[in-house]
N, C-alpha and C. Protein backbone atom coordinates (compact mmCIF):
# COMPACT_ATOMS: atom_id res chain seq x y z
N MET A 1 175.44 169.81 151.29
CA MET A 1 176.37 170.82 151.99
C MET A 1 175.54 171.93 152.47
N SER A 2 175.15 171.57 153.95
CA SER A 2 174.32 172.61 154.60
C SER A 2 175.13 173.57 155.32
N ASP A 3 176.30 173.16 155.97
CA ASP A 3 177.12 173.85 156.76
C ASP A 3 178.39 174.32 155.87
N VAL A 4 178.18 175.47 155.33
CA VAL A 4 179.28 175.87 154.49
C VAL A 4 179.70 177.44 155.12
N GLU A 5 181.01 177.75 154.57
CA GLU A 5 181.62 179.08 154.78
C GLU A 5 181.73 179.89 153.54
N ARG A 6 181.55 180.77 153.41
CA ARG A 6 181.65 181.64 152.01
C ARG A 6 183.10 182.34 152.19
N MET A 7 184.15 181.97 151.16
CA MET A 7 185.44 182.70 151.20
C MET A 7 185.62 183.36 150.01
N THR A 8 186.55 184.40 150.18
CA THR A 8 187.02 184.89 148.81
C THR A 8 188.47 184.74 148.67
N VAL A 9 188.83 184.22 147.45
CA VAL A 9 190.31 183.46 147.28
C VAL A 9 190.78 184.40 146.06
N THR A 10 192.00 184.96 146.31
CA THR A 10 192.68 185.66 145.26
C THR A 10 193.68 184.68 144.42
N LEU A 11 193.40 184.70 143.18
CA LEU A 11 194.27 183.78 142.44
C LEU A 11 195.21 184.65 141.42
N THR A 12 196.41 184.05 141.05
CA THR A 12 197.04 184.66 139.75
C THR A 12 196.33 184.80 138.64
N PRO A 13 196.37 185.47 137.69
CA PRO A 13 195.79 185.33 136.50
C PRO A 13 195.85 183.85 135.77
N GLU A 14 197.04 183.28 136.00
CA GLU A 14 197.20 181.99 135.32
C GLU A 14 196.44 181.07 135.97
N MET A 15 196.35 181.26 137.35
CA MET A 15 195.65 180.08 138.00
C MET A 15 194.03 180.24 137.68
N ALA A 16 193.57 181.56 137.77
CA ALA A 16 192.20 181.91 137.65
C ALA A 16 191.90 181.27 136.15
N ALA A 17 192.57 181.44 135.14
CA ALA A 17 192.47 181.02 133.58
C ALA A 17 192.31 179.54 133.80
N LEU A 18 193.18 178.66 134.43
CA LEU A 18 192.94 177.44 134.69
C LEU A 18 191.67 176.93 135.40
N VAL A 19 191.27 177.59 136.30
CA VAL A 19 189.90 177.24 137.11
C VAL A 19 188.83 177.40 135.84
N ARG A 20 188.97 178.65 135.39
CA ARG A 20 187.56 178.84 134.23
C ARG A 20 187.91 178.00 133.38
N GLY A 21 188.71 177.58 132.82
CA GLY A 21 188.92 176.52 131.73
C GLY A 21 188.45 175.24 132.25
N ALA A 22 188.76 174.62 133.43
CA ALA A 22 188.19 173.68 133.73
C ALA A 22 186.80 173.45 133.87
N VAL A 23 186.24 174.59 134.34
CA VAL A 23 184.78 174.68 134.36
C VAL A 23 184.05 174.87 133.21
N SER A 24 184.60 175.55 132.25
CA SER A 24 184.20 175.88 130.80
C SER A 24 184.16 174.61 130.09
N THR A 25 185.10 173.42 130.25
CA THR A 25 185.31 172.38 129.55
C THR A 25 183.99 171.16 130.21
N GLY A 26 183.66 171.58 131.22
CA GLY A 26 182.93 170.73 132.08
C GLY A 26 183.16 169.63 132.97
N ASP A 27 184.98 169.89 133.03
CA ASP A 27 185.42 168.79 134.10
C ASP A 27 184.95 169.14 135.34
N TYR A 28 184.55 170.39 135.94
CA TYR A 28 184.05 170.63 137.18
C TYR A 28 182.72 171.44 136.67
N ALA A 29 181.89 171.40 137.89
CA ALA A 29 180.62 172.17 137.90
C ALA A 29 180.88 173.68 138.31
N SER A 30 181.92 173.88 139.09
CA SER A 30 182.16 175.29 139.47
C SER A 30 183.37 175.50 140.05
N SER A 31 183.95 176.60 140.08
CA SER A 31 185.20 176.92 140.84
C SER A 31 185.33 176.47 142.15
N SER A 32 183.97 176.48 143.09
CA SER A 32 184.12 176.06 144.20
C SER A 32 184.57 174.39 144.43
N GLU A 33 184.10 173.75 143.39
CA GLU A 33 184.39 172.42 143.41
C GLU A 33 186.01 172.06 143.16
N ILE A 34 186.39 172.72 142.25
CA ILE A 34 187.70 172.71 141.96
C ILE A 34 188.78 173.05 143.19
N ILE A 35 188.29 174.28 144.03
CA ILE A 35 189.13 174.56 145.19
C ILE A 35 188.84 173.60 146.22
N ARG A 36 187.73 172.94 146.43
CA ARG A 36 187.48 171.89 147.35
C ARG A 36 188.36 170.65 147.15
N GLU A 37 188.25 170.31 145.86
CA GLU A 37 189.11 169.04 145.34
C GLU A 37 190.69 169.47 145.67
N ALA A 38 191.07 170.50 145.27
CA ALA A 38 192.57 171.22 145.57
C ALA A 38 192.80 170.80 147.12
N LEU A 39 191.94 171.47 148.00
CA LEU A 39 192.24 171.43 149.51
C LEU A 39 192.23 169.89 149.89
N ARG A 40 191.22 169.15 149.44
CA ARG A 40 191.39 167.69 149.81
C ARG A 40 192.69 167.02 149.49
N ASP A 41 193.17 167.34 148.10
CA ASP A 41 194.37 166.78 147.81
C ASP A 41 195.63 167.26 148.70
N TRP A 42 195.68 168.80 149.05
CA TRP A 42 196.57 169.39 149.97
C TRP A 42 196.56 168.66 151.26
N LYS A 43 195.43 168.44 151.91
CA LYS A 43 195.26 167.86 153.22
C LYS A 43 195.92 166.43 153.15
N VAL A 44 195.76 165.58 152.13
CA VAL A 44 196.40 164.40 152.11
C VAL A 44 197.78 164.46 151.88
N LYS A 45 198.21 165.34 151.16
CA LYS A 45 199.66 165.60 151.00
C LYS A 45 200.35 166.05 152.41
N ARG A 46 199.62 166.94 153.05
CA ARG A 46 200.28 167.29 154.52
C ARG A 46 200.18 166.07 155.38
N LEU A 47 199.29 165.38 155.36
CA LEU A 47 199.40 163.98 156.10
C LEU A 47 200.44 163.17 155.76
N GLU A 48 200.70 163.09 154.64
CA GLU A 48 201.82 162.10 154.16
C GLU A 48 203.01 162.77 154.47
N GLN A 49 203.19 163.93 154.33
CA GLN A 49 204.47 164.80 154.85
C GLN A 49 204.63 164.59 156.41
N ALA A 50 203.66 164.69 157.09
CA ALA A 50 203.76 164.67 158.55
C ALA A 50 204.18 163.31 158.94
N LYS A 51 203.68 162.08 158.14
CA LYS A 51 203.90 160.85 158.67
C LYS A 51 205.55 160.49 158.20
N ALA A 52 205.83 160.85 157.06
CA ALA A 52 207.23 160.91 156.72
C ALA A 52 208.31 161.79 157.71
N LEU A 53 207.81 162.86 158.23
CA LEU A 53 208.56 163.41 159.05
C LEU A 53 208.66 162.80 160.52
N ALA A 54 207.67 162.15 160.79
CA ALA A 54 207.37 161.38 161.99
C ALA A 54 208.44 160.27 162.14
N GLU A 55 208.44 159.56 160.98
CA GLU A 55 209.52 158.47 160.62
C GLU A 55 210.76 158.91 160.62
N MET A 56 211.12 160.12 159.96
CA MET A 56 212.57 160.28 160.03
C MET A 56 212.85 160.79 161.44
N ARG A 57 212.03 161.43 162.18
CA ARG A 57 212.36 161.82 163.54
C ARG A 57 212.55 160.54 164.28
N ALA A 58 211.86 159.44 164.20
CA ALA A 58 211.92 158.06 164.81
C ALA A 58 213.26 157.55 164.54
N PHE A 59 213.60 157.68 163.30
CA PHE A 59 214.97 157.18 162.74
C PHE A 59 216.06 157.76 163.45
N ILE A 60 216.09 159.15 163.48
CA ILE A 60 217.06 159.89 164.09
C ILE A 60 217.18 159.62 165.50
N ALA A 61 216.10 159.36 166.14
CA ALA A 61 216.03 159.31 167.67
C ALA A 61 216.77 157.74 167.97
N GLY A 62 216.28 156.81 167.19
CA GLY A 62 217.08 155.51 167.27
C GLY A 62 218.50 155.50 166.99
N GLY A 63 218.97 156.51 166.04
CA GLY A 63 220.52 156.68 165.88
C GLY A 63 221.15 157.03 167.00
N LEU A 64 220.22 158.23 167.59
CA LEU A 64 220.88 158.80 168.97
C LEU A 64 220.92 157.99 170.01
N GLU A 65 219.82 156.96 170.25
CA GLU A 65 219.92 156.22 171.18
C GLU A 65 221.07 155.14 171.05
N ASP A 66 221.36 154.77 169.81
CA ASP A 66 222.49 153.84 169.52
C ASP A 66 223.67 154.41 169.90
N LEU A 67 223.96 155.77 169.60
CA LEU A 67 225.06 156.57 169.83
C LEU A 67 225.24 156.53 171.34
N ASP A 68 224.17 156.99 172.26
CA ASP A 68 224.31 156.99 173.61
C ASP A 68 224.71 155.52 174.17
N LYS A 69 224.22 154.42 173.79
CA LYS A 69 224.65 153.13 174.19
C LYS A 69 226.13 152.75 173.53
N GLY A 70 226.57 153.49 172.98
CA GLY A 70 227.99 153.33 172.24
C GLY A 70 227.88 152.07 171.14
N GLN A 71 226.63 151.90 170.59
CA GLN A 71 226.60 150.98 169.46
C GLN A 71 226.76 151.55 168.27
N VAL A 72 227.98 152.27 167.99
CA VAL A 72 228.45 152.89 166.71
C VAL A 72 229.59 152.29 166.26
N SER A 73 229.96 152.44 165.01
CA SER A 73 231.11 151.97 164.26
C SER A 73 231.75 152.99 163.43
N ALA A 74 233.08 152.93 163.14
CA ALA A 74 233.60 153.87 162.25
C ALA A 74 233.04 153.50 160.96
N PHE A 75 233.11 154.44 159.83
CA PHE A 75 232.55 154.43 158.52
C PHE A 75 233.38 155.15 157.58
N ASP A 76 233.32 154.65 156.32
CA ASP A 76 234.04 155.26 155.44
C ASP A 76 233.22 156.07 154.32
N ALA A 77 233.18 157.48 154.47
CA ALA A 77 232.39 158.21 153.74
C ALA A 77 232.30 158.03 152.25
N GLY A 78 233.68 157.83 151.81
CA GLY A 78 233.73 157.31 150.30
C GLY A 78 233.26 156.09 150.11
N GLU A 79 233.07 155.18 150.78
CA GLU A 79 232.59 153.84 150.62
C GLU A 79 231.17 154.12 150.44
N ILE A 80 230.58 154.81 151.46
CA ILE A 80 229.00 155.19 151.48
C ILE A 80 228.74 155.95 150.18
N LYS A 81 229.47 156.81 149.80
CA LYS A 81 229.24 157.39 148.36
C LYS A 81 229.20 156.47 147.25
N ALA A 82 230.12 155.60 147.21
CA ALA A 82 230.25 154.66 146.04
C ALA A 82 229.16 153.83 146.12
N LEU A 83 228.67 153.29 147.18
CA LEU A 83 227.45 152.59 147.25
C LEU A 83 226.23 153.19 146.70
N GLY A 84 226.06 154.50 147.34
CA GLY A 84 225.02 155.28 146.61
C GLY A 84 224.96 155.22 145.09
N ARG A 85 226.07 155.40 144.62
CA ARG A 85 226.33 155.54 143.16
C ARG A 85 226.21 154.13 142.62
N GLY A 86 226.20 153.18 143.31
CA GLY A 86 226.22 151.75 142.86
C GLY A 86 227.38 151.51 142.16
N THR A 87 228.36 152.02 142.48
CA THR A 87 229.78 151.60 142.19
C THR A 87 230.69 151.13 143.36
N PRO A 88 230.77 149.92 143.66
CA PRO A 88 231.61 149.46 144.84
C PRO A 88 232.83 150.09 144.88
N ARG A 89 233.60 150.68 145.85
CA ARG A 89 234.69 151.16 146.07
C ARG A 89 235.73 150.11 146.24
N ARG A 90 236.97 150.17 145.55
CA ARG A 90 238.01 149.11 145.46
C ARG A 90 238.92 149.63 146.73
N ALA A 91 239.34 148.39 147.65
CA ALA A 91 240.39 148.61 148.55
C ALA A 91 241.42 149.30 148.08
N GLY A 92 242.11 150.04 149.06
CA GLY A 92 243.41 150.74 148.81
C GLY A 92 243.32 152.04 148.45
């Protein structure tokens, strides 16, 4: 790691104790190693969230396109709830 930037991070006492504990048990060589791993995990999570959001936006855009084209039909909210609960609604 020839190109690094030094930062100061403030943690709650509980978080600091977790970091110290992980280093003292040998799970990590240093607190910096823990923070780097946490940031890598955070980065992956953010990318997954961005992907899910993009998929949701595309799904909504498709629905709005269908609406604009008149490709919609009436629905029964009670039936949709029943299907979600796994209990088909009886007619009547």
